[in-house]
Amino acid sequence: VQLQASGGGLVQAGGSLRLSCVASGSVFSIELMGWYRQAPGKQRELVATITSTSDTDYGDSVRGRFTISRDNAENTVYLQMASLKPEDTAVYLCYAGRNIPGSNVWGQGTQVTVTS
């Protein structure tokens, strides 16, 4: 499985961005997709995940502002981010959890920078 993330950028506080992550390869093995983020000097943290049956989970810091969705036909997961805050600034990493132990996949990061 390979993951290609896109959609990051520079936005002012209060603005919105949408991230996309396209999976390719053995996509039949993917059970869960999602996003994590990592800011300089901080630990990686959960942003949001979505299962193949569209059950979602969100990190406390983004719940109510971010929405994750997926298009199974396009093997794509989206992260709609609204009411962005400077503390949302981070590298956002796409993630795929697979039904093969030890073979979960991380995509390359996409930078999101929120200015005050």
C-alpha atoms as a PDB file:
ATOM      1  CA  VAL A   1       0.000   0.000   0.000  1.00  0.00           C
ATOM      2  CA  GLN A   2       1.182   3.489  -0.838  1.00  0.00           C
ATOM      3  CA  LEU A   3      -0.356   6.716   0.428  1.00  0.00           C
ATOM      4  CA  GLN A   4      -0.196  10.074  -1.315  1.00  0.00           C
ATOM      5  CA  ALA A   5      -1.263  13.060   0.757  1.00  0.00           C
ATOM      6  CA  SER A   6      -1.998  16.553  -0.513  1.00  0.00           C
ATOM      7  CA  GLY A   7      -3.799  19.739   0.363  1.00  0.00           C
ATOM      8  CA  GLY A   8      -1.661  21.369   3.009  1.00  0.00           C
ATOM      9  CA  GLY A   9      -0.749  25.017   2.933  1.00  0.00           C
ATOM     10  CA  LEU A  10      -0.720  28.345   4.678  1.00  0.00           C
ATOM     11  CA  VAL A  11      -3.951  29.737   6.068  1.00  0.00           C
ATOM     12  CA  GLN A  12      -4.999  32.421   8.526  1.00  0.00           C
ATOM     13  CA  ALA A  13      -6.578  31.556  11.843  1.00  0.00           C
ATOM     14  CA  GLY A  14     -10.264  30.884  11.425  1.00  0.00           C
ATOM     15  CA  GLY A  15      -9.781  29.607   7.897  1.00  0.00           C
ATOM     16  CA  SER A  16     -10.295  26.201   6.353  1.00  0.00           C
ATOM     17  CA  LEU A  17      -8.299  23.621   4.468  1.00  0.00           C
ATOM     18  CA  ARG A  18      -9.034  20.188   3.066  1.00  0.00           C
ATOM     19  CA  LEU A  19      -6.470  17.430   3.023  1.00  0.00           C
ATOM     20  CA  SER A  20      -6.669  14.396   0.755  1.00  0.00           C
ATOM     21  CA  CYS A  21      -4.917  11.054   0.933  1.00  0.00           C
ATOM     22  CA  VAL A  22      -5.113   8.553  -1.896  1.00  0.00           C
ATOM     23  CA  ALA A  23      -4.248   4.918  -1.300  1.00  0.00           C
ATOM     24  CA  SER A  24      -2.920   2.639  -3.991  1.00  0.00           C
ATOM     25  CA  GLY A  25      -1.642  -0.902  -4.162  1.00  0.00           C
ATOM     26  CA  SER A  26      -3.232  -3.584  -1.979  1.00  0.00           C
ATOM     27  CA  VAL A  27      -6.084  -1.354  -0.850  1.00  0.00           C
ATOM     28  CA  PHE A  28      -8.297  -4.374  -0.092  1.00  0.00           C
ATOM     29  CA  SER A  29      -6.168  -4.892   3.026  1.00  0.00           C
ATOM     30  CA  ILE A  30      -6.959  -1.453   4.479  1.00  0.00           C
ATOM     31  CA  GLU A  31      -9.357  -1.477   7.415  1.00  0.00           C
ATOM     32  CA  LEU A  32      -8.843   2.040   8.714  1.00  0.00           C
ATOM     33  CA  MET A  33      -7.449   5.290   7.366  1.00  0.00           C
ATOM     34  CA  GLY A  34      -6.758   8.509   9.079  1.00  0.00           C
ATOM     35  CA  TRP A  35      -4.577  11.421   9.936  1.00  0.00           C
ATOM     36  CA  TYR A  36      -2.063  12.111  12.639  1.00  0.00           C
ATOM     37  CA  ARG A  37      -0.029  15.256  13.074  1.00  0.00           C
ATOM     38  CA  GLN A  38       3.313  16.198  14.498  1.00  0.00           C
ATOM     39  CA  ALA A  39       4.456  19.677  15.420  1.00  0.00           C
ATOM     40  CA  PRO A  40       8.106  20.541  16.076  1.00  0.00           C
ATOM     41  CA  GLY A  41       9.173  19.331  19.498  1.00  0.00           C
ATOM     42  CA  LYS A  42       5.884  17.557  20.138  1.00  0.00           C
ATOM     43  CA  GLN A  43       4.740  13.973  20.013  1.00  0.00           C
ATOM     44  CA  ARG A  44       2.704  12.655  17.148  1.00  0.00           C
ATOM     45  CA  GLU A  45      -0.985  12.891  17.963  1.00  0.00           C
ATOM     46  CA  LEU A  46      -4.209  11.512  16.590  1.00  0.00           C
ATOM     47  CA  VAL A  47      -6.238  13.866  14.440  1.00  0.00           C
ATOM     48  CA  ALA A  48      -8.945  11.582  13.064  1.00  0.00           C
ATOM     49  CA  THR A  49      -9.549   8.083  11.787  1.00  0.00           C
ATOM     50  CA  ILE A  50     -12.289   6.416   9.794  1.00  0.00           C
ATOM     51  CA  THR A  51     -12.972   2.726   9.342  1.00  0.00           C
ATOM     52  CA  SER A  52     -14.115   0.902   6.236  1.00  0.00           C
ATOM     53  CA  THR A  53     -17.652   1.130   7.632  1.00  0.00           C
ATOM     54  CA  SER A  54     -17.242   4.886   8.222  1.00  0.00           C
ATOM     55  CA  ASP A  55     -16.966   4.806  11.986  1.00  0.00           C
ATOM     56  CA  THR A  56     -14.953   7.842  12.995  1.00  0.00           C
ATOM     57  CA  ASP A  57     -12.765   8.906  15.862  1.00  0.00           C
ATOM     58  CA  TYR A  58     -11.270  12.327  16.569  1.00  0.00           C
ATOM     59  CA  GLY A  59      -8.594  13.769  18.758  1.00  0.00           C
ATOM     60  CA  ASP A  60      -9.942  15.963  21.527  1.00  0.00           C
ATOM     61  CA  SER A  61      -8.232  19.059  20.180  1.00  0.00           C
ATOM     62  CA  VAL A  62      -9.972  18.893  16.794  1.00  0.00           C
ATOM     63  CA  ARG A  63     -13.357  17.387  17.613  1.00  0.00           C
ATOM     64  CA  GLY A  64     -16.113  19.638  16.362  1.00  0.00           C
ATOM     65  CA  ARG A  65     -13.830  21.517  13.972  1.00  0.00           C
ATOM     66  CA  PHE A  66     -12.459  18.791  11.708  1.00  0.00           C
ATOM     67  CA  THR A  67     -14.401  16.226   9.701  1.00  0.00           C
ATOM     68  CA  ILE A  68     -12.974  13.055   8.218  1.00  0.00           C
ATOM     69  CA  SER A  69     -14.632  11.241   5.350  1.00  0.00           C
ATOM     70  CA  ARG A  70     -13.721   8.653   2.777  1.00  0.00           C
ATOM     71  CA  ASP A  71     -14.565   7.727  -0.773  1.00  0.00           C
ATOM     72  CA  ASN A  72     -14.117   3.974  -1.002  1.00  0.00           C
ATOM     73  CA  ALA A  73     -14.506   3.956  -4.774  1.00  0.00           C
ATOM     74  CA  GLU A  74     -11.580   6.372  -5.070  1.00  0.00           C
ATOM     75  CA  ASN A  75      -9.597   4.883  -2.167  1.00  0.00           C
ATOM     76  CA  THR A  76      -9.352   8.376  -0.767  1.00  0.00           C
ATOM     77  CA  VAL A  77      -9.750   9.831   2.690  1.00  0.00           C
ATOM     78  CA  TYR A  78     -10.404  13.509   3.258  1.00  0.00           C
ATOM     79  CA  LEU A  79      -9.885  15.767   6.234  1.00  0.00           C
ATOM     80  CA  GLN A  80     -11.945  18.933   6.180  1.00  0.00           C
ATOM     81  CA  MET A  81     -10.438  21.357   8.658  1.00  0.00           C
ATOM     82  CA  ALA A  82     -12.372  24.422   9.781  1.00  0.00           C
ATOM     83  CA  SER A  83     -11.885  27.132  12.390  1.00  0.00           C
ATOM     84  CA  LEU A  84      -8.173  26.551  12.183  1.00  0.00           C
ATOM     85  CA  LYS A  85      -5.979  27.759  15.017  1.00  0.00           C
ATOM     86  CA  PRO A  86      -2.240  28.484  15.124  1.00  0.00           C
ATOM     87  CA  GLU A  87      -1.853  25.436  17.347  1.00  0.00           C
ATOM     88  CA  ASP A  88      -3.072  23.279  14.459  1.00  0.00           C
ATOM     89  CA  THR A  89       0.213  24.030  12.717  1.00  0.00           C
ATOM     90  CA  ALA A  90       1.966  20.729  12.100  1.00  0.00           C
ATOM     91  CA  VAL A  91       2.953  18.148   9.541  1.00  0.00           C
ATOM     92  CA  TYR A  92      -0.137  16.074   8.872  1.00  0.00           C
ATOM     93  CA  LEU A  93       0.534  12.413   8.163  1.00  0.00           C
ATOM     94  CA  CYS A  94      -1.819  10.042   6.396  1.00  0.00           C
ATOM     95  CA  TYR A  95      -2.123   6.572   7.906  1.00  0.00           C
ATOM     96  CA  ALA A  96      -3.571   3.245   6.785  1.00  0.00           C
ATOM     97  CA  GLY A  97      -4.262   0.438   9.211  1.00  0.00           C
ATOM     98  CA  ARG A  98      -4.236  -2.932   7.493  1.00  0.00           C
ATOM     99  CA  ASN A  99      -5.538  -6.375   8.322  1.00  0.00           C
ATOM    100  CA  ILE A 100      -2.014  -7.736   8.072  1.00  0.00           C
ATOM    101  CA  PRO A 101      -0.194  -7.470  11.413  1.00  0.00           C
ATOM    102  CA  GLY A 102       2.841  -5.247  11.342  1.00  0.00           C
ATOM    103  CA  SER A 103       2.145  -3.754   7.943  1.00  0.00           C
ATOM    104  CA  ASN A 104       0.417  -0.479   8.705  1.00  0.00           C
ATOM    105  CA  VAL A 105       1.498   2.306   6.399  1.00  0.00           C
ATOM    106  CA  TRP A 106       2.369   5.968   6.802  1.00  0.00           C
ATOM    107  CA  GLY A 107       2.264   8.407   3.931  1.00  0.00           C
ATOM    108  CA  GLN A 108       4.503  11.396   3.496  1.00  0.00           C
ATOM    109  CA  GLY A 109       3.480  14.441   5.459  1.00  0.00           C
ATOM    110  CA  THR A 110       1.810  17.571   4.262  1.00  0.00           C
ATOM    111  CA  GLN A 111       2.533  20.827   6.060  1.00  0.00           C
ATOM    112  CA  VAL A 112      -0.288  22.882   7.491  1.00  0.00           C
ATOM    113  CA  THR A 113       0.637  26.315   8.801  1.00  0.00           C
ATOM    114  CA  VAL A 114      -1.934  28.533  10.506  1.00  0.00           C
ATOM    115  CA  THR A 115      -0.999  32.153  11.106  1.00  0.00           C
ATOM    116  CA  SER A 116      -2.551  34.384  13.725  1.00  0.00           C
END
